[in-house]
Protein backbone atom coordinates (compact mmCIF):
# COMPACT_ATOMS: atom_id res chain seq x y z
CA MET A 1 20.46 -10.80 -3.09
CA ALA A 2 18.51 -8.03 -4.77
CA PHE A 3 19.78 -6.34 -7.93
CA ILE A 4 18.39 -4.68 -11.02
CA GLU A 5 20.24 -4.25 -14.30
CA LEU A 6 19.50 -2.37 -17.51
CA ASN A 7 21.31 -3.50 -20.64
CA ASN A 8 21.15 -1.00 -23.54
CA VAL A 9 17.55 -0.11 -22.71
CA SER A 10 15.60 2.24 -24.98
CA LEU A 11 11.96 3.17 -24.56
CA HIS A 12 9.90 4.90 -27.25
CA LEU A 13 6.36 5.99 -26.37
CA PRO A 14 3.85 6.47 -29.24
CA ILE A 15 1.45 9.41 -29.22
CA PHE A 16 -1.64 8.20 -31.02
CA ASP A 17 -3.88 11.24 -30.50
CA VAL A 18 -1.88 13.69 -32.66
CA GLN A 19 -4.22 14.04 -35.61
CA GLY A 20 -4.00 16.22 -38.66
CA ARG A 21 -0.97 17.11 -40.76
CA SER A 22 -0.55 20.66 -39.41
CA LEU A 23 -0.79 19.61 -35.74
CA LYS A 24 1.68 16.79 -36.31
CA LYS A 25 4.16 19.18 -37.96
CA GLN A 26 3.80 21.61 -35.07
CA VAL A 27 4.43 18.90 -32.46
CA LEU A 28 7.45 17.60 -34.34
CA ARG A 29 8.88 21.10 -34.78
CA VAL A 30 8.43 22.08 -31.15
CA GLY A 31 9.67 18.76 -29.81
CA ARG A 32 12.62 18.07 -32.07
CA ARG A 33 15.17 18.88 -29.37
CA ASN A 34 13.09 16.99 -26.79
CA ARG A 35 13.32 13.63 -28.52
CA ILE A 36 9.98 13.75 -30.36
CA ALA A 37 10.07 12.14 -33.81
CA GLU A 38 8.02 10.21 -36.36
CA ASP A 39 8.39 6.47 -36.95
CA ASN A 40 8.13 4.60 -40.25
CA ASP A 41 4.35 4.26 -39.89
CA GLY A 42 3.85 7.99 -39.43
CA VAL A 43 3.13 7.74 -35.69
CA VAL A 44 4.61 10.47 -33.51
CA ILE A 45 6.85 8.95 -30.81
CA VAL A 46 8.74 10.25 -27.80
CA ARG A 47 12.20 8.75 -27.35
CA ALA A 48 11.87 8.68 -23.57
CA LEU A 49 14.96 6.55 -22.85
CA GLU A 50 17.95 5.94 -25.09
CA HIS A 51 20.65 3.27 -24.64
CA VAL A 52 20.60 3.15 -20.83
CA ASN A 53 23.12 0.82 -19.18
CA LEU A 54 22.97 0.61 -15.37
CA ARG A 55 23.27 -1.84 -12.50
CA PHE A 56 21.88 -1.24 -9.01
CA GLU A 57 22.92 -3.55 -6.18
CA ARG A 58 22.22 -4.17 -2.50
CA GLY A 59 22.93 -1.10 -0.40
CA ASP A 60 22.39 1.37 -3.25
CA ARG A 61 20.33 4.45 -2.43
CA ILE A 62 20.04 6.20 -5.79
CA GLY A 63 18.70 9.71 -6.26
CA LEU A 64 17.50 10.63 -9.76
CA ILE A 65 18.30 14.19 -10.82
CA GLY A 66 17.79 16.16 -14.00
CA PRO A 67 15.39 18.72 -15.49
CA ASN A 68 11.71 18.06 -16.13
CA GLY A 69 11.35 15.72 -19.11
CA ALA A 70 14.79 14.16 -18.59
CA GLY A 71 13.35 10.66 -18.26
CA LYS A 72 13.42 10.18 -14.47
CA SER A 73 9.78 9.14 -14.03
CA THR A 74 9.91 7.05 -17.21
CA LEU A 75 12.96 5.23 -15.88
CA LEU A 76 11.13 4.45 -12.63
CA ARG A 77 8.15 3.09 -14.56
CA ALA A 78 10.43 0.95 -16.70
CA LEU A 79 12.11 -0.43 -13.55
CA ALA A 80 8.64 -1.17 -12.14
CA GLY A 81 7.66 -3.12 -15.27
CA ILE A 82 4.91 -0.64 -16.17
CA TYR A 83 6.62 0.27 -19.47
CA PRO A 84 8.36 -2.61 -21.28
CA PRO A 85 11.54 -1.53 -23.10
CA THR A 86 11.35 -0.95 -26.83
CA ALA A 87 14.88 -2.33 -27.06
CA GLY A 88 17.35 -3.81 -24.61
CA GLU A 89 16.64 -5.78 -21.45
CA ILE A 90 15.87 -5.18 -17.78
CA THR A 91 16.71 -8.04 -15.42
CA GLY A 92 16.71 -8.30 -11.65
CA GLU A 93 15.99 -10.18 -8.49
CA GLY A 94 13.89 -9.16 -5.49
CA ARG A 95 10.38 -7.84 -4.81
CA VAL A 96 9.94 -4.50 -6.55
CA VAL A 97 7.51 -2.08 -4.86
CA PRO A 98 6.73 1.08 -6.87
CA LEU A 99 5.32 4.06 -4.95
CA LEU A 100 4.62 5.99 -8.13
CA ASP A 101 0.83 6.20 -8.30
CA ILE A 102 -0.17 5.15 -4.80
CA SER A 103 -3.91 5.15 -5.58
CA LEU A 104 -3.61 2.80 -8.56
CA GLY A 105 -5.98 -0.16 -8.33
CA MET A 106 -8.36 1.33 -5.77
CA ASP A 107 -12.10 0.96 -6.44
CA GLU A 108 -14.44 3.85 -5.61
CA ASN A 109 -17.40 1.56 -4.91
CA SER A 110 -15.55 -0.75 -2.51
CA THR A 111 -15.03 -0.05 1.18
CA GLY A 112 -11.75 1.07 2.69
CA ARG A 113 -11.11 -2.42 4.06
CA GLN A 114 -11.83 -3.99 0.67
CA ASN A 115 -9.43 -1.52 -0.93
CA ILE A 116 -6.71 -2.50 1.52
CA ARG A 117 -6.92 -5.98 -0.01
CA LEU A 118 -7.20 -4.74 -3.62
CA ARG A 119 -4.22 -2.41 -3.36
CA GLY A 120 -2.24 -4.98 -1.38
CA LEU A 121 -2.74 -7.67 -4.01
CA LEU A 122 -1.71 -5.23 -6.75
CA LEU A 123 1.53 -4.58 -4.85
CA GLY A 124 2.25 -8.31 -4.68
CA MET A 125 1.19 -9.02 -1.12
CA THR A 126 -0.29 -12.44 -0.33
CA ASP A 127 -3.66 -12.88 1.34
CA ALA A 128 -1.84 -13.94 4.50
CA GLU A 129 0.30 -10.76 4.48
CA ILE A 130 -2.78 -8.59 3.98
CA ARG A 131 -4.66 -10.24 6.85
CA GLU A 132 -1.60 -9.88 9.08
CA LYS A 133 -1.16 -6.17 8.32
CA GLN A 134 -4.77 -5.04 7.89
CA GLU A 135 -5.29 -3.74 11.43
CA GLU A 136 -1.92 -1.99 11.48
CA ILE A 137 -2.82 -0.27 8.20
CA ALA A 138 -6.24 0.70 9.61
CA GLU A 139 -4.66 2.16 12.73
CA PHE A 140 -2.03 4.09 10.81
CA CYS A 141 -4.42 5.81 8.37
CA GLU A 142 -6.68 6.99 11.24
CA LEU A 143 -9.92 6.60 9.27
CA GLY A 144 -11.85 4.68 11.94
CA ASP A 145 -15.40 3.71 10.97
CA TYR A 146 -14.93 5.22 7.48
CA LEU A 147 -13.04 2.05 6.56
CA ASP A 148 -16.40 0.28 6.38
CA LEU A 149 -17.78 2.82 3.88
CA PRO A 150 -17.18 3.01 0.09
CA ILE A 151 -14.21 5.24 -0.63
CA ARG A 152 -16.36 7.36 -2.96
CA THR A 153 -17.57 8.94 0.30
CA TYR A 154 -14.00 9.93 1.28
CA SER A 155 -12.33 13.27 0.79
CA SER A 156 -9.30 13.27 -1.51
CA GLY A 157 -7.02 13.52 1.52
CA MET A 158 -8.62 10.46 3.16
CA LYS A 159 -8.13 8.42 -0.02
CA VAL A 160 -4.47 9.38 -0.21
CA ARG A 161 -3.93 8.50 3.46
CA LEU A 162 -5.46 5.06 2.93
CA ALA A 163 -3.45 4.44 -0.23
CA PHE A 164 -0.24 5.60 1.45
CA ALA A 165 -0.82 3.36 4.46
CA VAL A 166 -1.33 0.29 2.27
CA SER A 167 1.55 1.05 -0.09
CA THR A 168 4.06 1.55 2.72
CA ALA A 169 3.03 -1.66 4.51
CA VAL A 170 4.70 -3.80 1.86
CA ASP A 171 8.10 -5.34 2.59
CA ALA A 172 10.10 -4.10 -0.38
CA GLU A 173 13.48 -5.38 -1.52
CA ILE A 174 13.64 -2.84 -4.35
CA LEU A 175 11.76 0.38 -3.57
CA LEU A 176 10.90 2.93 -6.29
CA LEU A 177 9.75 6.39 -5.20
CA ASP A 178 8.58 9.38 -7.23
CA GLU A 179 8.04 12.61 -5.24
CA VAL A 180 5.69 11.44 -2.47
CA MET A 181 2.80 13.91 -2.19
CA GLY A 182 1.33 15.46 0.93
CA VAL A 183 -0.84 13.03 2.87
CA GLY A 184 -2.63 15.14 5.45
CA ASP A 185 -2.12 17.64 8.23
CA ALA A 186 1.21 18.36 9.93
CA SER A 187 0.91 15.63 12.56
CA PHE A 188 0.02 12.98 9.99
CA MET A 189 2.81 14.19 7.67
CA HIS A 190 5.28 13.61 10.51
CA LYS A 191 4.01 10.02 10.87
CA ALA A 192 4.15 9.52 7.10
CA GLU A 193 7.74 10.76 6.82
CA ALA A 194 8.85 8.46 9.65
CA ARG A 195 7.06 5.50 8.03
CA LEU A 196 8.65 6.23 4.67
CA ALA A 197 12.10 6.51 6.25
CA ASP A 198 11.60 3.12 7.90
CA LEU A 199 10.51 1.59 4.58
CA ARG A 200 13.61 2.99 2.86
CA SER A 201 15.88 1.64 5.59
CA ARG A 202 14.45 -1.89 5.24
CA ALA A 203 14.72 -2.05 1.45
CA GLU A 204 17.91 -3.44 -0.10
CA ILE A 205 17.79 -1.00 -3.03
CA VAL A 206 16.05 2.38 -3.18
CA VAL A 207 15.63 4.48 -6.34
CA LEU A 208 13.93 7.84 -5.85
CA ALA A 209 13.22 11.00 -7.80
CA MET A 210 12.79 14.31 -6.02
CA HIS A 211 13.47 17.97 -6.73
CA SER A 212 15.43 18.64 -3.54
CA ASN A 213 19.16 18.12 -4.03
CA SER A 214 19.74 18.58 -0.31
CA GLU A 215 17.31 15.75 0.43
CA ILE A 216 19.01 13.52 -2.14
CA ARG A 217 22.35 14.26 -0.47
CA ARG A 218 20.82 13.35 2.90
CA VAL A 219 19.20 10.01 2.03
CA CYS A 220 21.20 8.71 -0.96
CA ASN A 221 24.71 7.37 -1.46
CA LYS A 222 24.59 7.55 -5.26
CA ALA A 223 23.04 9.89 -7.81
CA LEU A 224 21.96 9.33 -11.41
CA TRP A 225 21.85 12.40 -13.65
CA MET A 226 19.40 11.94 -16.52
CA GLU A 227 19.31 14.24 -19.53
CA ARG A 228 17.10 13.81 -22.63
CA GLY A 229 16.52 10.16 -21.82
CA ARG A 230 20.20 9.34 -21.46
CA VAL A 231 22.55 8.82 -18.52
CA ARG A 232 24.70 11.92 -18.14
CA ALA A 233 26.49 10.75 -14.97
CA PHE A 234 26.16 8.03 -12.33
CA GLY A 235 28.25 7.66 -9.19
CA ALA A 236 28.83 8.95 -5.68
CA VAL A 237 26.05 11.33 -4.69
CA GLU A 238 28.20 14.36 -3.89
CA ASP A 239 30.23 14.06 -7.09
CA VAL A 240 27.21 13.78 -9.40
CA VAL A 241 25.01 16.36 -7.66
CA SER A 242 27.89 18.86 -7.62
CA GLN A 243 28.46 18.30 -11.35
CA TYR A 244 24.75 18.85 -12.00
CA GLU A 245 24.59 22.03 -9.92
CA GLU A 246 27.68 23.43 -11.62
CA ALA A 247 26.28 22.67 -15.09
CA THR A 248 22.84 24.14 -14.38
CA GLY A 249 24.06 27.15 -12.43
């Protein structure tokens, strides 16, 4: 049974390209309230997550809310294993599929069909799964003969459609979503929304970040309010979203 648990997780991200004493002082002064500090070696760090304790279980549909910079996207990347915790531990069971950067791992000089395999392998699909789903992915993205051409010849919209089709073909047990972007014209968007809804329904756990509180109310049963890298509230979606709306006016 799928679950994911965070035990006293903190995540500090170093900023190595802040050079010069005056620039460093300016960054530290501006960012003091936003969790920017200096470590013992003089490196500027962002305290992106601080002492997070959470457990997500089968059936949870969690919506992440909070202002920009609250730590929502960082939390998703930590859950995906992209950022290892600086302190604490993340444990879990089940295939985690992150739809955070859906074009990650795609090669401009390879064909669309080759990129189906590349992106599929990156998402943890087996060769057998990729072969089984390749034609369905090709049909869904509606790229036709372009799939036999290098993706450097694609428009940006075509690349996103291909990446979206591959990413949403994976059978996820734990699905992580971060504000899915537009993937084409109105008719294709309708297909994409239906496909995403089906993917969410099949996953045991879904964690998503989006700016629409009404959409979070519609698709989630729990909400997690993040603020300055910490958990402000976690519980039933209506309770937490109402608290957040009341606090932010």
